[in-house]
Amino acid sequence: MFNLFSFNEQDLKNIEKLKESKVRSRKVVGRGTLVADASEIRKTESFQKNAERAAKLVVAG
């Protein structure tokens, strides 16, 4: 039988990440495609931490 709306473990993890996300400007624009405002993403704590880590790598290299 077809089970069109079943989710696997990775799907459920992705759903939880989206629920926990601080980015609220995201929207669905196509089949499986999400877009979000880049300026809002740059303001998130995780982006800023990763940007700092990347800057340290560039300086160290």
PDB file of N, CA and C in Angstrom:
ATOM      1  N   MET A   1       0.843  -1.190   0.000  1.00  0.00           N
ATOM      2  CA  MET A   1       0.000   0.000   0.000  1.00  0.00           C
ATOM      3  C   MET A   1       0.887   1.252   0.000  1.00  0.00           C
ATOM      4  N   PHE A   2       0.436   2.288  -0.611  1.00  0.00           N
ATOM      5  CA  PHE A   2       1.188   3.539  -0.638  1.00  0.00           C
ATOM      6  C   PHE A   2       1.064   4.259   0.694  1.00  0.00           C
ATOM      7  N   ASN A   3       2.174   4.783   1.144  1.00  0.00           N
ATOM      8  CA  ASN A   3       2.200   5.561   2.373  1.00  0.00           C
ATOM      9  C   ASN A   3       2.854   6.898   2.040  1.00  0.00           C
ATOM     10  N   LEU A   4       2.092   7.802   1.449  1.00  0.00           N
ATOM     11  CA  LEU A   4       2.638   9.041   0.905  1.00  0.00           C
ATOM     12  C   LEU A   4       3.161  10.008   1.963  1.00  0.00           C
ATOM     13  N   PHE A   5       2.611   9.957   3.154  1.00  0.00           N
ATOM     14  CA  PHE A   5       2.963  10.957   4.150  1.00  0.00           C
ATOM     15  C   PHE A   5       3.744  10.382   5.323  1.00  0.00           C
ATOM     16  N   SER A   6       4.566   9.405   5.070  1.00  0.00           N
ATOM     17  CA  SER A   6       5.413   8.874   6.135  1.00  0.00           C
ATOM     18  C   SER A   6       6.774   9.564   6.080  1.00  0.00           C
ATOM     19  N   PHE A   7       7.371   9.755   7.236  1.00  0.00           N
ATOM     20  CA  PHE A   7       8.660  10.421   7.335  1.00  0.00           C
ATOM     21  C   PHE A   7       9.683   9.450   7.886  1.00  0.00           C
ATOM     22  N   ASN A   8      10.891   9.509   7.355  1.00  0.00           N
ATOM     23  CA  ASN A   8      11.953   8.682   7.913  1.00  0.00           C
ATOM     24  C   ASN A   8      12.642   9.461   9.036  1.00  0.00           C
ATOM     25  N   GLU A   9      13.638   8.846   9.637  1.00  0.00           N
ATOM     26  CA  GLU A   9      14.305   9.459  10.781  1.00  0.00           C
ATOM     27  C   GLU A   9      14.958  10.795  10.426  1.00  0.00           C
ATOM     28  N   GLN A  10      15.594  10.875   9.259  1.00  0.00           N
ATOM     29  CA  GLN A  10      16.240  12.118   8.843  1.00  0.00           C
ATOM     30  C   GLN A  10      15.211  13.223   8.619  1.00  0.00           C
ATOM     31  N   ASP A  11      14.061  12.886   8.046  1.00  0.00           N
ATOM     32  CA  ASP A  11      12.996  13.875   7.859  1.00  0.00           C
ATOM     33  C   ASP A  11      12.554  14.447   9.200  1.00  0.00           C
ATOM     34  N   LEU A  12      12.382  13.585  10.188  1.00  0.00           N
ATOM     35  CA  LEU A  12      11.948  14.029  11.518  1.00  0.00           C
ATOM     36  C   LEU A  12      13.000  14.919  12.169  1.00  0.00           C
ATOM     37  N   LYS A  13      14.284  14.604  11.974  1.00  0.00           N
ATOM     38  CA  LYS A  13      15.350  15.455  12.511  1.00  0.00           C
ATOM     39  C   LYS A  13      15.314  16.828  11.852  1.00  0.00           C
ATOM     40  N   ASN A  14      15.109  16.854  10.542  1.00  0.00           N
ATOM     41  CA  ASN A  14      15.044  18.131   9.821  1.00  0.00           C
ATOM     42  C   ASN A  14      13.853  18.965  10.266  1.00  0.00           C
ATOM     43  N   ILE A  15      12.734  18.323  10.520  1.00  0.00           N
ATOM     44  CA  ILE A  15      11.542  19.034  11.003  1.00  0.00           C
ATOM     45  C   ILE A  15      11.827  19.661  12.357  1.00  0.00           C
ATOM     46  N   GLU A  16      12.485  18.917  13.240  1.00  0.00           N
ATOM     47  CA  GLU A  16      12.831  19.461  14.555  1.00  0.00           C
ATOM     48  C   GLU A  16      13.775  20.654  14.430  1.00  0.00           C
ATOM     49  N   LYS A  17      14.744  20.581  13.527  1.00  0.00           N
ATOM     50  CA  LYS A  17      15.668  21.700  13.315  1.00  0.00           C
ATOM     51  C   LYS A  17      14.919  22.932  12.825  1.00  0.00           C
ATOM     52  N   LEU A  18      13.951  22.731  11.942  1.00  0.00           N
ATOM     53  CA  LEU A  18      13.163  23.863  11.454  1.00  0.00           C
ATOM     54  C   LEU A  18      12.324  24.473  12.564  1.00  0.00           C
ATOM     55  N   LYS A  19      11.765  23.640  13.424  1.00  0.00           N
ATOM     56  CA  LYS A  19      10.966  24.146  14.541  1.00  0.00           C
ATOM     57  C   LYS A  19      11.816  24.966  15.500  1.00  0.00           C
ATOM     58  N   GLU A  20      13.063  24.532  15.714  1.00  0.00           N
ATOM     59  CA  GLU A  20      13.958  25.212  16.648  1.00  0.00           C
ATOM     60  C   GLU A  20      14.641  26.433  16.045  1.00  0.00           C
ATOM     61  N   SER A  21      14.543  26.599  14.756  1.00  0.00           N
ATOM     62  CA  SER A  21      15.234  27.675  14.055  1.00  0.00           C
ATOM     63  C   SER A  21      14.729  29.047  14.492  1.00  0.00           C
ATOM     64  N   LYS A  22      15.675  29.968  14.604  1.00  0.00           N
ATOM     65  CA  LYS A  22      15.333  31.358  14.937  1.00  0.00           C
ATOM     66  C   LYS A  22      14.931  32.156  13.695  1.00  0.00           C
ATOM     67  N   VAL A  23      15.163  31.599  12.516  1.00  0.00           N
ATOM     68  CA  VAL A  23      14.851  32.286  11.263  1.00  0.00           C
ATOM     69  C   VAL A  23      13.365  32.124  10.969  1.00  0.00           C
ATOM     70  N   ARG A  24      12.655  33.220  10.962  1.00  0.00           N
ATOM     71  CA  ARG A  24      11.205  33.181  10.763  1.00  0.00           C
ATOM     72  C   ARG A  24      10.782  33.636   9.367  1.00  0.00           C
ATOM     73  N   SER A  25      11.732  34.130   8.585  1.00  0.00           N
ATOM     74  CA  SER A  25      11.385  34.639   7.256  1.00  0.00           C
ATOM     75  C   SER A  25      11.329  33.536   6.210  1.00  0.00           C
ATOM     76  N   ARG A  26      11.548  32.308   6.607  1.00  0.00           N
ATOM     77  CA  ARG A  26      11.599  31.227   5.621  1.00  0.00           C
ATOM     78  C   ARG A  26      10.210  30.940   5.055  1.00  0.00           C
ATOM     79  N   LYS A  27      10.227  30.526   3.791  1.00  0.00           N
ATOM     80  CA  LYS A  27       8.972  30.144   3.149  1.00  0.00           C
ATOM     81  C   LYS A  27       9.265  29.108   2.070  1.00  0.00           C
ATOM     82  N   VAL A  28       8.263  28.345   1.744  1.00  0.00           N
ATOM     83  CA  VAL A  28       8.387  27.305   0.723  1.00  0.00           C
ATOM     84  C   VAL A  28       8.063  27.942  -0.624  1.00  0.00           C
ATOM     85  N   VAL A  29       8.962  27.778  -1.594  1.00  0.00           N
ATOM     86  CA  VAL A  29       8.737  28.361  -2.917  1.00  0.00           C
ATOM     87  C   VAL A  29       8.636  27.310  -4.005  1.00  0.00           C
ATOM     88  N   GLY A  30       8.860  26.097  -3.652  1.00  0.00           N
ATOM     89  CA  GLY A  30       8.784  25.020  -4.628  1.00  0.00           C
ATOM     90  C   GLY A  30       8.803  23.692  -3.924  1.00  0.00           C
ATOM     91  N   ARG A  31       8.862  22.687  -4.676  1.00  0.00           N
ATOM     92  CA  ARG A  31       8.840  21.348  -4.109  1.00  0.00           C
ATOM     93  C   ARG A  31      10.170  21.062  -3.414  1.00  0.00           C
ATOM     94  N   GLY A  32      10.152  21.144  -2.093  1.00  0.00           N
ATOM     95  CA  GLY A  32      11.360  20.887  -1.322  1.00  0.00           C
ATOM     96  C   GLY A  32      12.324  22.051  -1.251  1.00  0.00           C
ATOM     97  N   THR A  33      11.891  23.245  -1.647  1.00  0.00           N
ATOM     98  CA  THR A  33      12.773  24.408  -1.659  1.00  0.00           C
ATOM     99  C   THR A  33      12.310  25.427  -0.628  1.00  0.00           C
ATOM    100  N   LEU A  34      13.203  25.772   0.296  1.00  0.00           N
ATOM    101  CA  LEU A  34      12.949  26.808   1.282  1.00  0.00           C
ATOM    102  C   LEU A  34      13.846  28.004   0.991  1.00  0.00           C
ATOM    103  N   VAL A  35      13.324  29.193   1.172  1.00  0.00           N
ATOM    104  CA  VAL A  35      14.136  30.405   1.075  1.00  0.00           C
ATOM    105  C   VAL A  35      13.968  31.194   2.364  1.00  0.00           C
ATOM    106  N   ALA A  36      14.984  31.992   2.676  1.00  0.00           N
ATOM    107  CA  ALA A  36      14.952  32.825   3.869  1.00  0.00           C
ATOM    108  C   ALA A  36      15.726  34.101   3.594  1.00  0.00           C
ATOM    109  N   ASP A  37      15.453  35.105   4.384  1.00  0.00           N
ATOM    110  CA  ASP A  37      16.121  36.394   4.263  1.00  0.00           C
ATOM    111  C   ASP A  37      17.560  36.256   4.769  1.00  0.00           C
ATOM    112  N   ALA A  38      18.521  36.529   3.913  1.00  0.00           N
ATOM    113  CA  ALA A  38      19.939  36.359   4.255  1.00  0.00           C
ATOM    114  C   ALA A  38      20.352  37.255   5.417  1.00  0.00           C
ATOM    115  N   SER A  39      19.830  38.455   5.502  1.00  0.00           N
ATOM    116  CA  SER A  39      20.216  39.349   6.599  1.00  0.00           C
ATOM    117  C   SER A  39      19.745  38.793   7.940  1.00  0.00           C
ATOM    118  N   GLU A  40      18.620  38.124   7.944  1.00  0.00           N
ATOM    119  CA  GLU A  40      18.134  37.509   9.179  1.00  0.00           C
ATOM    120  C   GLU A  40      19.026  36.329   9.575  1.00  0.00           C
ATOM    121  N   ILE A  41      19.462  35.573   8.596  1.00  0.00           N
ATOM    122  CA  ILE A  41      20.344  34.435   8.863  1.00  0.00           C
ATOM    123  C   ILE A  41      21.672  34.915   9.432  1.00  0.00           C
ATOM    124  N   ARG A  42      22.212  36.005   8.875  1.00  0.00           N
ATOM    125  CA  ARG A  42      23.492  36.533   9.363  1.00  0.00           C
ATOM    126  C   ARG A  42      23.419  37.000  10.811  1.00  0.00           C
ATOM    127  N   LYS A  43      22.232  37.306  11.299  1.00  0.00           N
ATOM    128  CA  LYS A  43      22.065  37.775  12.677  1.00  0.00           C
ATOM    129  C   LYS A  43      21.953  36.632  13.684  1.00  0.00           C
ATOM    130  N   THR A  44      21.809  35.406  13.227  1.00  0.00           N
ATOM    131  CA  THR A  44      21.644  34.291  14.159  1.00  0.00           C
ATOM    132  C   THR A  44      22.957  33.994  14.872  1.00  0.00           C
ATOM    133  N   GLU A  45      22.831  33.470  16.067  1.00  0.00           N
ATOM    134  CA  GLU A  45      24.002  33.158  16.881  1.00  0.00           C
ATOM    135  C   GLU A  45      24.871  32.094  16.218  1.00  0.00           C
ATOM    136  N   SER A  46      24.250  31.076  15.651  1.00  0.00           N
ATOM    137  CA  SER A  46      25.035  30.000  15.035  1.00  0.00           C
ATOM    138  C   SER A  46      25.821  30.510  13.828  1.00  0.00           C
ATOM    139  N   PHE A  47      25.235  31.399  13.031  1.00  0.00           N
ATOM    140  CA  PHE A  47      25.954  31.953  11.886  1.00  0.00           C
ATOM    141  C   PHE A  47      27.149  32.771  12.354  1.00  0.00           C
ATOM    142  N   GLN A  48      26.941  33.593  13.371  1.00  0.00           N
ATOM    143  CA  GLN A  48      28.021  34.434  13.871  1.00  0.00           C
ATOM    144  C   GLN A  48      29.165  33.600  14.448  1.00  0.00           C
ATOM    145  N   LYS A  49      28.831  32.512  15.158  1.00  0.00           N
ATOM    146  CA  LYS A  49      29.880  31.624  15.683  1.00  0.00           C
ATOM    147  C   LYS A  49      30.662  30.986  14.539  1.00  0.00           C
ATOM    148  N   ASN A  50      29.946  30.520  13.526  1.00  0.00           N
ATOM    149  CA  ASN A  50      30.619  29.887  12.388  1.00  0.00           C
ATOM    150  C   ASN A  50      31.453  30.890  11.597  1.00  0.00           C
ATOM    151  N   ALA A  51      31.000  32.128  11.506  1.00  0.00           N
ATOM    152  CA  ALA A  51      31.770  33.166  10.815  1.00  0.00           C
ATOM    153  C   ALA A  51      33.070  33.454  11.569  1.00  0.00           C
ATOM    154  N   GLU A  52      32.999  33.463  12.904  1.00  0.00           N
ATOM    155  CA  GLU A  52      34.209  33.669  13.707  1.00  0.00           C
ATOM    156  C   GLU A  52      35.194  32.519  13.517  1.00  0.00           C
ATOM    157  N   ARG A  53      34.674  31.301  13.501  1.00  0.00           N
ATOM    158  CA  ARG A  53      35.543  30.128  13.290  1.00  0.00           C
ATOM    159  C   ARG A  53      36.201  30.185  11.922  1.00  0.00           C
ATOM    160  N   ALA A  54      35.437  30.590  10.906  1.00  0.00           N
ATOM    161  CA  ALA A  54      35.979  30.684   9.540  1.00  0.00           C
ATOM    162  C   ALA A  54      37.052  31.763   9.473  1.00  0.00           C
ATOM    163  N   ALA A  55      36.836  32.885  10.141  1.00  0.00           N
ATOM    164  CA  ALA A  55      37.825  33.964  10.142  1.00  0.00           C
ATOM    165  C   ALA A  55      39.129  33.502  10.785  1.00  0.00           C
ATOM    166  N   LYS A  56      39.028  32.718  11.863  1.00  0.00           N
ATOM    167  CA  LYS A  56      40.238  32.203  12.521  1.00  0.00           C
ATOM    168  C   LYS A  56      40.981  31.247  11.599  1.00  0.00           C
ATOM    169  N   LEU A  57      40.263  30.436  10.855  1.00  0.00           N
ATOM    170  CA  LEU A  57      40.900  29.512   9.925  1.00  0.00           C
ATOM    171  C   LEU A  57      41.630  30.253   8.810  1.00  0.00           C
ATOM    172  N   VAL A  58      41.029  31.318   8.314  1.00  0.00           N
ATOM    173  CA  VAL A  58      41.646  32.089   7.232  1.00  0.00           C
ATOM    174  C   VAL A  58      42.909  32.766   7.726  1.00  0.00           C
ATOM    175  N   VAL A  59      42.867  33.310   8.932  1.00  0.00           N
ATOM    176  CA  VAL A  59      44.043  33.977   9.495  1.00  0.00           C
ATOM    177  C   VAL A  59      45.147  32.963   9.763  1.00  0.00           C
ATOM    178  N   ALA A  60      44.776  31.787  10.258  1.00  0.00           N
ATOM    179  CA  ALA A  60      45.760  30.750  10.585  1.00  0.00           C
ATOM    180  C   ALA A  60      46.371  30.147   9.329  1.00  0.00           C
ATOM    181  N   GLY A  61      45.661  30.189   8.207  1.00  0.00           N
ATOM    182  CA  GLY A  61      46.140  29.555   6.980  1.00  0.00           C
ATOM    183  C   GLY A  61      47.080  30.407   6.259  1.00  0.00           C
TER     184      GLY A  61
END
